[in-house]
C-alpha cells in the first residue's frame, strides 16, 4: 500500500491536494489488478502513471484528438471519434475500440460517456486494467521497464523522464 508521503516523493512537483485525492484510488486499483504484489511492480506502474498523467495532473489528453480521427486501427470509424475517444485516464486509453474493451472490463458505458475516465477512481482503475491486460506485471517482475514503456506508449517518448520516476519510486518504496 502506497502512502501519501511516498506518492508525494514520487511526484514532488504535483500539488499536495492533487496527490492526496489519488492515494486511495491508486491503492484500490493496484490491489484489484495485482500490481501491489511487489514494490517493483508498484514502482514501474507509478512511474508510468506519473509520466503519462504529467505527475497526476491530467486525466484527459491535452491534444484535441484530431490526430486520431479516422484511425481504423483505433476503431475510430465515425466522424468525431478522434476527439471523443482521445486519451483519458492515468494511462491514456485512446480510440473507440479501446474504450469499448475498457468499458466492458470496468462495467462503464464509455462509448456513450467517455468522460467517465476523467473521474479519479475510473482514471486509476483504467490504468490498472490496461497494466494487467497488457502483461505489464510480468514485465515489471522481469525488470523490463523499456518494454513496459513501449507497450504503453507505442515507442519510447519520454523514456528518460519515465526512468527517472521509476528510479525515484524504487528508492521510495524499497
Protein backbone atom coordinates (compact mmCIF):
# COMPACT_ATOMS: atom_id res chain seq x y z
CA UNK A 1 0.00 0.00 0.00
CA UNK A 2 1.38 3.36 -1.02
CA UNK A 3 1.12 6.24 1.41
CA UNK A 4 0.54 9.92 0.73
CA UNK A 5 4.13 10.67 1.75
CA UNK A 6 5.50 8.07 -0.67
CA UNK A 7 3.37 9.28 -3.57
CA UNK A 8 4.36 12.85 -2.79
CA UNK A 9 8.05 11.90 -3.04
CA UNK A 10 7.46 10.13 -6.37
CA UNK A 11 5.53 13.13 -7.77
CA UNK A 12 7.26 16.03 -5.98
CA UNK A 13 6.05 18.77 -8.33
CA UNK A 14 2.38 17.88 -8.07
CA UNK A 15 0.08 19.97 -5.88
CA UNK A 16 -0.37 18.38 -2.45
CA UNK A 17 -4.16 18.25 -2.79
CA UNK A 18 -3.89 16.51 -6.15
CA UNK A 19 -1.59 13.85 -4.73
CA UNK A 20 -3.97 13.31 -1.79
CA UNK A 21 -7.01 12.56 -3.97
CA UNK A 22 -5.13 9.85 -5.86
CA UNK A 23 -3.73 7.81 -2.93
CA UNK A 24 -6.82 5.70 -2.22
CA UNK A 25 -7.90 5.18 -5.86
CA UNK A 26 -4.37 4.14 -6.83
CA UNK A 27 -4.15 1.72 -3.91
CA UNK A 28 -7.52 0.19 -4.81
CA UNK A 29 -6.55 -0.14 -8.48
CA UNK A 30 -3.15 -1.61 -7.67
CA UNK A 31 -4.81 -4.19 -5.44
CA UNK A 32 -7.58 -5.02 -7.93
CA UNK A 33 -5.09 -5.58 -10.76
CA UNK A 34 -2.38 -7.36 -8.71
CA UNK A 35 0.13 -4.55 -9.01
CA UNK A 36 0.60 -4.26 -5.24
CA UNK A 37 2.23 -7.70 -5.01
CA UNK A 38 5.79 -6.30 -5.08
CA UNK A 39 7.45 -2.90 -4.75
CA UNK A 40 8.98 -3.38 -8.22
CA UNK A 41 5.52 -3.68 -9.81
CA UNK A 42 4.28 -0.67 -7.85
CA UNK A 43 7.32 1.40 -8.80
CA UNK A 44 7.04 0.59 -12.50
CA UNK A 45 3.29 1.28 -12.52
CA UNK A 46 3.55 4.55 -10.59
CA UNK A 47 6.43 5.75 -12.77
CA UNK A 48 4.47 5.18 -15.97
CA UNK A 49 1.33 6.72 -14.48
CA UNK A 50 3.31 9.73 -13.27
CA UNK A 51 4.71 10.34 -16.74
CA UNK A 52 1.50 9.67 -18.68
CA UNK A 53 -0.54 11.99 -16.44
CA UNK A 54 2.01 14.77 -16.09
CA UNK A 55 2.55 13.92 -12.43
CA UNK A 56 -1.12 13.09 -11.72
CA UNK A 57 -2.17 16.41 -13.25
CA UNK A 58 -4.01 15.24 -16.39
CA UNK A 59 -6.65 12.57 -16.82
CA UNK A 60 -7.51 13.75 -20.35
CA UNK A 61 -5.08 14.19 -23.19
CA UNK A 62 -4.18 17.83 -23.75
CA UNK A 63 -4.29 17.50 -27.56
CA UNK A 64 -7.70 17.69 -29.21
CA UNK A 65 -7.67 14.15 -30.53
CA UNK A 66 -7.85 15.34 -34.15
CA UNK A 67 -4.78 13.23 -34.93
CA UNK A 68 -6.84 10.11 -34.13
CA UNK A 69 -9.70 10.99 -36.47
CA UNK A 70 -10.35 8.21 -38.98
CA UNK A 71 -7.79 5.86 -37.38
CA UNK A 72 -9.34 2.48 -38.10
CA UNK A 73 -6.59 0.80 -36.05
CA UNK A 74 -8.14 2.52 -33.01
CA UNK A 75 -11.70 1.80 -34.12
CA UNK A 76 -12.29 5.47 -34.88
CA UNK A 77 -14.56 4.96 -37.86
CA UNK A 78 -17.27 7.55 -37.17
CA UNK A 79 -16.91 11.31 -37.65
CA UNK A 80 -15.81 12.90 -34.37
CA UNK A 81 -14.35 9.69 -32.90
CA UNK A 82 -10.83 11.15 -32.72
CA UNK A 83 -11.84 13.90 -30.32
CA UNK A 84 -14.48 11.88 -28.49
CA UNK A 85 -12.12 8.99 -27.78
CA UNK A 86 -8.85 10.85 -27.24
CA UNK A 87 -6.61 9.65 -24.43
CA UNK A 88 -8.19 9.55 -20.97
CA UNK A 89 -7.30 8.00 -17.64
CA UNK A 90 -3.92 7.83 -15.95
CA UNK A 91 -2.61 5.64 -18.76
CA UNK A 92 -4.24 7.31 -21.71
CA UNK A 93 -6.86 4.88 -23.08
CA UNK A 94 -7.29 6.02 -26.71
CA UNK A 95 -9.71 5.11 -29.50
CA UNK A 96 -13.25 3.77 -29.78
CA UNK A 97 -12.12 0.12 -29.72
CA UNK A 98 -10.05 0.56 -26.58
CA UNK A 99 -12.85 2.47 -24.85
CA UNK A 100 -15.25 -0.37 -25.68
CA UNK A 101 -12.96 -3.06 -24.24
CA UNK A 102 -12.03 -0.99 -21.19
CA UNK A 103 -15.67 -0.08 -20.55
CA UNK A 104 -16.75 -3.72 -20.70
CA UNK A 105 -13.97 -4.72 -18.29
CA UNK A 106 -14.75 -1.94 -15.79
CA UNK A 107 -18.53 -2.06 -16.26
CA UNK A 108 -18.67 1.53 -17.53
CA UNK A 109 -20.55 2.83 -20.57
CA UNK A 110 -17.52 4.57 -22.06
CA UNK A 111 -18.87 4.64 -25.61
CA UNK A 112 -21.72 6.90 -24.51
CA UNK A 113 -19.84 8.63 -21.70
CA UNK A 114 -16.08 8.61 -22.43
CA UNK A 115 -15.64 11.38 -19.86
CA UNK A 116 -16.16 8.78 -17.12
CA UNK A 117 -12.44 8.02 -17.48
CA UNK A 118 -11.75 11.53 -16.20
CA UNK A 119 -13.20 10.66 -12.79
CA UNK A 120 -10.33 9.90 -10.45
CA UNK A 121 -11.39 6.37 -9.40
CA UNK A 122 -12.04 5.40 -13.04
CA UNK A 123 -8.80 7.03 -14.20
CA UNK A 124 -6.88 4.87 -11.71
CA UNK A 125 -8.85 1.69 -12.46
CA UNK A 126 -8.44 2.10 -16.22
CA UNK A 127 -4.67 2.39 -15.72
CA UNK A 128 -4.65 -0.76 -13.60
CA UNK A 129 -6.81 -2.59 -16.15
CA UNK A 130 -4.52 -1.55 -19.01
CA UNK A 131 -1.45 -2.58 -16.99
CA UNK A 132 -2.70 -6.06 -16.19
CA UNK A 133 -4.29 -6.86 -19.55
CA UNK A 134 -1.12 -5.89 -21.41
CA UNK A 135 1.08 -8.20 -19.32
CA UNK A 136 2.93 -5.40 -17.59
CA UNK A 137 3.01 -7.07 -14.17
CA UNK A 138 5.12 -9.83 -15.68
CA UNK A 139 7.40 -7.35 -17.45
CA UNK A 140 7.87 -5.45 -14.19
CA UNK A 141 8.74 -8.72 -12.45
CA UNK A 142 11.47 -9.25 -15.05
CA UNK A 143 12.70 -5.65 -14.79
CA UNK A 144 11.89 -4.87 -18.43
CA UNK A 145 10.97 -1.22 -17.95
CA UNK A 146 11.85 -0.35 -21.54
CA UNK A 147 9.34 -2.84 -22.98
CA UNK A 148 6.72 -1.62 -20.48
CA UNK A 149 7.23 1.87 -21.92
CA UNK A 150 6.86 0.59 -25.48
CA UNK A 151 3.62 -1.25 -24.69
CA UNK A 152 2.13 1.85 -23.09
CA UNK A 153 3.45 4.46 -25.48
CA UNK A 154 3.99 2.53 -28.71
CA UNK A 155 7.56 3.82 -28.62
CA UNK A 156 9.89 5.45 -26.15
CA UNK A 157 8.57 9.00 -25.89
CA UNK A 158 9.60 10.48 -22.55
CA UNK A 159 11.67 7.44 -21.65
CA UNK A 160 14.26 9.41 -19.64
CA UNK A 161 11.54 11.03 -17.52
CA UNK A 162 9.76 7.70 -17.06
CA UNK A 163 13.03 6.11 -15.97
CA UNK A 164 13.70 8.95 -13.51
CA UNK A 165 10.24 8.44 -11.98
CA UNK A 166 10.95 4.70 -11.81
CA UNK A 167 14.29 5.12 -10.07
CA UNK A 168 12.71 7.50 -7.55
CA UNK A 169 9.78 5.15 -6.97
CA UNK A 170 12.11 2.18 -6.42
CA UNK A 171 14.07 4.17 -3.86
CA UNK A 172 10.94 5.42 -2.09
CA UNK A 173 9.23 2.01 -1.99
CA UNK A 174 12.27 -0.10 -1.04
